[in-house]
Amino acid sequence: MIDEKCISGYNGAMLPSDPYMLLSALNMKLRDGDSSLEELCDSEDASLEEVVEKLSSIGYIYNKEQRKFISV
């Protein structure tokens, strides 16, 4: 059974589906890791489009230079 509170990838990786929790988790992983958003989504088996859409719904966009989601 899939936990409806998570974005689940094919390999069982889970990211929170709540947009604010997702924002926090992604910015932490981007800050602590050495990868781009694309690489992070690949490693988590998460849809880049779904992540970007979910965070844009709360007013955040990805800034490639800063490697984090920022408020618009």
PDB file of N, CA and C in Angstrom:
ATOM      1  N   MET A   1       0.839  -1.177   0.000  1.00  0.00           N
ATOM      2  CA  MET A   1       0.000   0.000   0.000  1.00  0.00           C
ATOM      3  C   MET A   1       0.886   1.242   0.000  1.00  0.00           C
ATOM      4  N   ILE A   2       0.562   2.220  -0.830  1.00  0.00           N
ATOM      5  CA  ILE A   2       1.328   3.456  -0.927  1.00  0.00           C
ATOM      6  C   ILE A   2       0.816   4.451   0.098  1.00  0.00           C
ATOM      7  N   ASP A   3       1.732   5.056   0.826  1.00  0.00           N
ATOM      8  CA  ASP A   3       1.386   6.091   1.797  1.00  0.00           C
ATOM      9  C   ASP A   3       0.987   7.343   1.026  1.00  0.00           C
ATOM     10  N   GLU A   4      -0.245   7.784   1.177  1.00  0.00           N
ATOM     11  CA  GLU A   4      -0.744   8.933   0.435  1.00  0.00           C
ATOM     12  C   GLU A   4      -0.086  10.238   0.859  1.00  0.00           C
ATOM     13  N   LYS A   5       0.694  10.219   1.957  1.00  0.00           N
ATOM     14  CA  LYS A   5       1.368  11.411   2.418  1.00  0.00           C
ATOM     15  C   LYS A   5       2.745  11.566   1.787  1.00  0.00           C
ATOM     16  N   CYS A   6       3.117  10.655   0.881  1.00  0.00           N
ATOM     17  CA  CYS A   6       4.450  10.680   0.291  1.00  0.00           C
ATOM     18  C   CYS A   6       4.373  10.580  -1.220  1.00  0.00           C
ATOM     19  N   ILE A   7       5.375  11.158  -1.871  1.00  0.00           N
ATOM     20  CA  ILE A   7       5.572  10.950  -3.298  1.00  0.00           C
ATOM     21  C   ILE A   7       6.489   9.741  -3.385  1.00  0.00           C
ATOM     22  N   SER A   8       6.020   8.663  -3.952  1.00  0.00           N
ATOM     23  CA  SER A   8       6.784   7.430  -3.963  1.00  0.00           C
ATOM     24  C   SER A   8       7.396   7.198  -5.333  1.00  0.00           C
ATOM     25  N   GLY A   9       8.664   6.836  -5.346  1.00  0.00           N
ATOM     26  CA  GLY A   9       9.332   6.471  -6.577  1.00  0.00           C
ATOM     27  C   GLY A   9       9.287   4.980  -6.789  1.00  0.00           C
ATOM     28  N   TYR A  10       9.844   4.535  -7.901  1.00  0.00           N
ATOM     29  CA  TYR A  10       9.823   3.122  -8.241  1.00  0.00           C
ATOM     30  C   TYR A  10      10.638   2.282  -7.265  1.00  0.00           C
ATOM     31  N   ASN A  11      11.719   2.876  -6.708  1.00  0.00           N
ATOM     32  CA  ASN A  11      12.563   2.079  -5.818  1.00  0.00           C
ATOM     33  C   ASN A  11      12.168   2.233  -4.361  1.00  0.00           C
ATOM     34  N   GLY A  12      11.003   2.809  -4.105  1.00  0.00           N
ATOM     35  CA  GLY A  12      10.527   2.940  -2.741  1.00  0.00           C
ATOM     36  C   GLY A  12      10.965   4.217  -2.048  1.00  0.00           C
ATOM     37  N   ALA A  13      11.732   5.053  -2.739  1.00  0.00           N
ATOM     38  CA  ALA A  13      12.143   6.318  -2.136  1.00  0.00           C
ATOM     39  C   ALA A  13      10.906   7.168  -1.883  1.00  0.00           C
ATOM     40  N   MET A  14      10.929   7.863  -0.777  1.00  0.00           N
ATOM     41  CA  MET A  14       9.759   8.657  -0.417  1.00  0.00           C
ATOM     42  C   MET A  14      10.145  10.103  -0.170  1.00  0.00           C
ATOM     43  N   LEU A  15       9.369  10.996  -0.733  1.00  0.00           N
ATOM     44  CA  LEU A  15       9.452  12.417  -0.436  1.00  0.00           C
ATOM     45  C   LEU A  15       8.083  12.830   0.075  1.00  0.00           C
ATOM     46  N   PRO A  16       8.028  13.757   1.009  1.00  0.00           N
ATOM     47  CA  PRO A  16       6.724  14.181   1.524  1.00  0.00           C
ATOM     48  C   PRO A  16       5.875  14.811   0.423  1.00  0.00           C
ATOM     49  N   SER A  17       4.578  14.599   0.445  1.00  0.00           N
ATOM     50  CA  SER A  17       3.724  15.208  -0.567  1.00  0.00           C
ATOM     51  C   SER A  17       3.192  16.565  -0.116  1.00  0.00           C
ATOM     52  N   ASP A  18       3.217  16.843   1.205  1.00  0.00           N
ATOM     53  CA  ASP A  18       2.849  18.171   1.672  1.00  0.00           C
ATOM     54  C   ASP A  18       3.847  19.160   1.090  1.00  0.00           C
ATOM     55  N   PRO A  19       3.374  20.202   0.390  1.00  0.00           N
ATOM     56  CA  PRO A  19       4.304  21.095  -0.301  1.00  0.00           C
ATOM     57  C   PRO A  19       5.329  21.769   0.615  1.00  0.00           C
ATOM     58  N   TYR A  20       4.953  22.142   1.818  1.00  0.00           N
ATOM     59  CA  TYR A  20       5.903  22.798   2.717  1.00  0.00           C
ATOM     60  C   TYR A  20       6.941  21.823   3.264  1.00  0.00           C
ATOM     61  N   MET A  21       6.532  20.609   3.541  1.00  0.00           N
ATOM     62  CA  MET A  21       7.481  19.587   3.979  1.00  0.00           C
ATOM     63  C   MET A  21       8.404  19.196   2.823  1.00  0.00           C
ATOM     64  N   LEU A  22       7.840  19.128   1.624  1.00  0.00           N
ATOM     65  CA  LEU A  22       8.629  18.821   0.431  1.00  0.00           C
ATOM     66  C   LEU A  22       9.669  19.907   0.198  1.00  0.00           C
ATOM     67  N   LEU A  23       9.263  21.164   0.327  1.00  0.00           N
ATOM     68  CA  LEU A  23      10.181  22.296   0.178  1.00  0.00           C
ATOM     69  C   LEU A  23      11.359  22.158   1.137  1.00  0.00           C
ATOM     70  N   SER A  24      11.062  21.903   2.383  1.00  0.00           N
ATOM     71  CA  SER A  24      12.103  21.771   3.398  1.00  0.00           C
ATOM     72  C   SER A  24      13.029  20.594   3.093  1.00  0.00           C
ATOM     73  N   ALA A  25      12.449  19.455   2.759  1.00  0.00           N
ATOM     74  CA  ALA A  25      13.248  18.255   2.482  1.00  0.00           C
ATOM     75  C   ALA A  25      14.155  18.457   1.267  1.00  0.00           C
ATOM     76  N   LEU A  26      13.607  19.023   0.207  1.00  0.00           N
ATOM     77  CA  LEU A  26      14.408  19.208  -1.002  1.00  0.00           C
ATOM     78  C   LEU A  26      15.510  20.229  -0.795  1.00  0.00           C
ATOM     79  N   ASN A  27      15.196  21.359  -0.170  1.00  0.00           N
ATOM     80  CA  ASN A  27      16.234  22.366   0.046  1.00  0.00           C
ATOM     81  C   ASN A  27      17.336  21.828   0.956  1.00  0.00           C
ATOM     82  N   MET A  28      16.980  21.006   1.940  1.00  0.00           N
ATOM     83  CA  MET A  28      17.992  20.398   2.805  1.00  0.00           C
ATOM     84  C   MET A  28      18.874  19.450   1.995  1.00  0.00           C
ATOM     85  N   LYS A  29      18.247  18.592   1.188  1.00  0.00           N
ATOM     86  CA  LYS A  29      19.020  17.634   0.388  1.00  0.00           C
ATOM     87  C   LYS A  29      19.890  18.347  -0.637  1.00  0.00           C
ATOM     88  N   LEU A  30      19.373  19.423  -1.225  1.00  0.00           N
ATOM     89  CA  LEU A  30      20.160  20.182  -2.199  1.00  0.00           C
ATOM     90  C   LEU A  30      21.325  20.899  -1.518  1.00  0.00           C
ATOM     91  N   ARG A  31      21.096  21.417  -0.329  1.00  0.00           N
ATOM     92  CA  ARG A  31      22.141  22.113   0.418  1.00  0.00           C
ATOM     93  C   ARG A  31      23.228  21.141   0.871  1.00  0.00           C
ATOM     94  N   ASP A  32      22.823  20.001   1.404  1.00  0.00           N
ATOM     95  CA  ASP A  32      23.775  19.056   1.984  1.00  0.00           C
ATOM     96  C   ASP A  32      24.453  18.170   0.955  1.00  0.00           C
ATOM     97  N   GLY A  33      23.832  18.025  -0.192  1.00  0.00           N
ATOM     98  CA  GLY A  33      24.390  17.162  -1.232  1.00  0.00           C
ATOM     99  C   GLY A  33      25.172  17.961  -2.250  1.00  0.00           C
ATOM    100  N   ASP A  34      25.611  17.292  -3.254  1.00  0.00           N
ATOM    101  CA  ASP A  34      26.379  17.934  -4.310  1.00  0.00           C
ATOM    102  C   ASP A  34      25.728  17.635  -5.653  1.00  0.00           C
ATOM    103  N   SER A  35      24.396  17.797  -5.689  1.00  0.00           N
ATOM    104  CA  SER A  35      23.690  17.444  -6.912  1.00  0.00           C
ATOM    105  C   SER A  35      22.717  18.544  -7.316  1.00  0.00           C
ATOM    106  N   SER A  36      22.306  18.481  -8.551  1.00  0.00           N
ATOM    107  CA  SER A  36      21.301  19.409  -9.064  1.00  0.00           C
ATOM    108  C   SER A  36      19.914  18.866  -8.731  1.00  0.00           C
ATOM    109  N   LEU A  37      18.903  19.663  -8.974  1.00  0.00           N
ATOM    110  CA  LEU A  37      17.530  19.209  -8.758  1.00  0.00           C
ATOM    111  C   LEU A  37      17.225  17.997  -9.627  1.00  0.00           C
ATOM    112  N   GLU A  38      17.694  18.021 -10.862  1.00  0.00           N
ATOM    113  CA  GLU A  38      17.453  16.903 -11.769  1.00  0.00           C
ATOM    114  C   GLU A  38      18.076  15.614 -11.237  1.00  0.00           C
ATOM    115  N   GLU A  39      19.322  15.719 -10.768  1.00  0.00           N
ATOM    116  CA  GLU A  39      19.997  14.541 -10.216  1.00  0.00           C
ATOM    117  C   GLU A  39      19.314  14.052  -8.936  1.00  0.00           C
ATOM    118  N   LEU A  40      18.875  14.991  -8.113  1.00  0.00           N
ATOM    119  CA  LEU A  40      18.182  14.622  -6.881  1.00  0.00           C
ATOM    120  C   LEU A  40      16.884  13.890  -7.182  1.00  0.00           C
ATOM    121  N   CYS A  41      16.098  14.419  -8.120  1.00  0.00           N
ATOM    122  CA  CYS A  41      14.846  13.751  -8.493  1.00  0.00           C
ATOM    123  C   CYS A  41      15.118  12.373  -9.064  1.00  0.00           C
ATOM    124  N   ASP A  42      16.171  12.247  -9.882  1.00  0.00           N
ATOM    125  CA  ASP A  42      16.536  10.932 -10.416  1.00  0.00           C
ATOM    126  C   ASP A  42      16.887   9.965  -9.291  1.00  0.00           C
ATOM    127  N   SER A  43      17.681  10.416  -8.334  1.00  0.00           N
ATOM    128  CA  SER A  43      18.103   9.516  -7.257  1.00  0.00           C
ATOM    129  C   SER A  43      16.940   9.145  -6.344  1.00  0.00           C
ATOM    130  N   GLU A  44      15.935  10.007  -6.236  1.00  0.00           N
ATOM    131  CA  GLU A  44      14.752   9.733  -5.413  1.00  0.00           C
ATOM    132  C   GLU A  44      13.630   9.090  -6.228  1.00  0.00           C
ATOM    133  N   ASP A  45      13.860   8.897  -7.519  1.00  0.00           N
ATOM    134  CA  ASP A  45      12.831   8.387  -8.428  1.00  0.00           C
ATOM    135  C   ASP A  45      11.551   9.210  -8.345  1.00  0.00           C
ATOM    136  N   ALA A  46      11.716  10.528  -8.258  1.00  0.00           N
ATOM    137  CA  ALA A  46      10.577  11.439  -8.187  1.00  0.00           C
ATOM    138  C   ALA A  46      10.450  12.182  -9.510  1.00  0.00           C
ATOM    139  N   SER A  47       9.241  12.532  -9.857  1.00  0.00           N
ATOM    140  CA  SER A  47       8.990  13.268 -11.084  1.00  0.00           C
ATOM    141  C   SER A  47       9.384  14.732 -10.903  1.00  0.00           C
ATOM    142  N   LEU A  48      10.337  15.188 -11.700  1.00  0.00           N
ATOM    143  CA  LEU A  48      10.776  16.584 -11.650  1.00  0.00           C
ATOM    144  C   LEU A  48       9.597  17.520 -11.885  1.00  0.00           C
ATOM    145  N   GLU A  49       8.763  17.177 -12.855  1.00  0.00           N
ATOM    146  CA  GLU A  49       7.612  18.016 -13.181  1.00  0.00           C
ATOM    147  C   GLU A  49       6.629  18.096 -12.013  1.00  0.00           C
ATOM    148  N   GLU A  50       6.394  16.975 -11.349  1.00  0.00           N
ATOM    149  CA  GLU A  50       5.477  16.950 -10.214  1.00  0.00           C
ATOM    150  C   GLU A  50       6.019  17.784  -9.053  1.00  0.00           C
ATOM    151  N   VAL A  51       7.309  17.674  -8.795  1.00  0.00           N
ATOM    152  CA  VAL A  51       7.941  18.435  -7.723  1.00  0.00           C
ATOM    153  C   VAL A  51       7.846  19.924  -8.010  1.00  0.00           C
ATOM    154  N   VAL A  52       8.220  20.338  -9.214  1.00  0.00           N
ATOM    155  CA  VAL A  52       8.194  21.756  -9.585  1.00  0.00           C
ATOM    156  C   VAL A  52       6.779  22.304  -9.536  1.00  0.00           C
ATOM    157  N   GLU A  53       5.816  21.540 -10.035  1.00  0.00           N
ATOM    158  CA  GLU A  53       4.417  21.972 -10.024  1.00  0.00           C
ATOM    159  C   GLU A  53       3.893  22.123  -8.593  1.00  0.00           C
ATOM    160  N   LYS A  54       4.212  21.158  -7.742  1.00  0.00           N
ATOM    161  CA  LYS A  54       3.733  21.199  -6.361  1.00  0.00           C
ATOM    162  C   LYS A  54       4.296  22.414  -5.629  1.00  0.00           C
ATOM    163  N   LEU A  55       5.577  22.710  -5.831  1.00  0.00           N
ATOM    164  CA  LEU A  55       6.179  23.841  -5.128  1.00  0.00           C
ATOM    165  C   LEU A  55       5.787  25.182  -5.748  1.00  0.00           C
ATOM    166  N   SER A  56       5.519  25.192  -7.035  1.00  0.00           N
ATOM    167  CA  SER A  56       5.044  26.449  -7.643  1.00  0.00           C
ATOM    168  C   SER A  56       3.638  26.785  -7.153  1.00  0.00           C
ATOM    169  N   SER A  57       2.880  25.771  -6.737  1.00  0.00           N
ATOM    170  CA  SER A  57       1.527  26.019  -6.227  1.00  0.00           C
ATOM    171  C   SER A  57       1.539  26.781  -4.904  1.00  0.00           C
ATOM    172  N   ILE A  58       2.691  26.780  -4.209  1.00  0.00           N
ATOM    173  CA  ILE A  58       2.805  27.556  -2.969  1.00  0.00           C
ATOM    174  C   ILE A  58       3.745  28.751  -3.138  1.00  0.00           C
ATOM    175  N   GLY A  59       4.074  29.073  -4.387  1.00  0.00           N
ATOM    176  CA  GLY A  59       4.840  30.284  -4.668  1.00  0.00           C
ATOM    177  C   GLY A  59       6.346  30.138  -4.643  1.00  0.00           C
ATOM    178  N   TYR A  60       6.872  28.946  -4.956  1.00  0.00           N
ATOM    179  CA  TYR A  60       8.315  28.729  -4.979  1.00  0.00           C
ATOM    180  C   TYR A  60       8.763  28.256  -6.349  1.00  0.00           C
ATOM    181  N   ILE A  61       9.936  28.741  -6.760  1.00  0.00           N
ATOM    182  CA  ILE A  61      10.561  28.289  -8.002  1.00  0.00           C
ATOM    183  C   ILE A  61      11.983  27.832  -7.687  1.00  0.00           C
ATOM    184  N   TYR A  62      12.534  27.020  -8.574  1.00  0.00           N
ATOM    185  CA  TYR A  62      13.895  26.533  -8.383  1.00  0.00           C
ATOM    186  C   TYR A  62      14.879  27.529  -8.966  1.00  0.00           C
ATOM    187  N   ASN A  63      15.887  27.909  -8.180  1.00  0.00           N
ATOM    188  CA  ASN A  63      16.952  28.794  -8.618  1.00  0.00           C
ATOM    189  C   ASN A  63      18.206  27.950  -8.806  1.00  0.00           C
ATOM    190  N   LYS A  64      18.630  27.780 -10.072  1.00  0.00           N
ATOM    191  CA  LYS A  64      19.772  26.900 -10.370  1.00  0.00           C
ATOM    192  C   LYS A  64      21.073  27.428  -9.782  1.00  0.00           C
ATOM    193  N   GLU A  65      21.263  28.744  -9.804  1.00  0.00           N
ATOM    194  CA  GLU A  65      22.511  29.316  -9.296  1.00  0.00           C
ATOM    195  C   GLU A  65      22.661  29.073  -7.790  1.00  0.00           C
ATOM    196  N   GLN A  66      21.567  29.214  -7.042  1.00  0.00           N
ATOM    197  CA  GLN A  66      21.606  29.018  -5.595  1.00  0.00           C
ATOM    198  C   GLN A  66      21.356  27.567  -5.199  1.00  0.00           C
ATOM    199  N   ARG A  67      20.933  26.755  -6.161  1.00  0.00           N
ATOM    200  CA  ARG A  67      20.597  25.348  -5.931  1.00  0.00           C
ATOM    201  C   ARG A  67      19.594  25.182  -4.801  1.00  0.00           C
ATOM    202  N   LYS A  68      18.493  25.958  -4.878  1.00  0.00           N
ATOM    203  CA  LYS A  68      17.427  25.825  -3.896  1.00  0.00           C
ATOM    204  C   LYS A  68      16.149  26.446  -4.450  1.00  0.00           C
ATOM    205  N   PHE A  69      15.035  26.076  -3.807  1.00  0.00           N
ATOM    206  CA  PHE A  69      13.749  26.682  -4.147  1.00  0.00           C
ATOM    207  C   PHE A  69      13.636  27.993  -3.386  1.00  0.00           C
ATOM    208  N   ILE A  70      13.218  29.035  -4.100  1.00  0.00           N
ATOM    209  CA  ILE A  70      13.074  30.355  -3.491  1.00  0.00           C
ATOM    210  C   ILE A  70      11.654  30.871  -3.721  1.00  0.00           C
ATOM    211  N   SER A  71      11.229  31.760  -2.850  1.00  0.00           N
ATOM    212  CA  SER A  71       9.892  32.366  -2.939  1.00  0.00           C
ATOM    213  C   SER A  71       9.885  33.390  -4.064  1.00  0.00           C
ATOM    214  N   VAL A  72       8.766  33.431  -4.789  1.00  0.00           N
ATOM    215  CA  VAL A  72       8.628  34.429  -5.866  1.00  0.00           C
ATOM    216  C   VAL A  72       7.704  35.542  -5.456  1.00  0.00           C
TER     217      VAL A  72
END
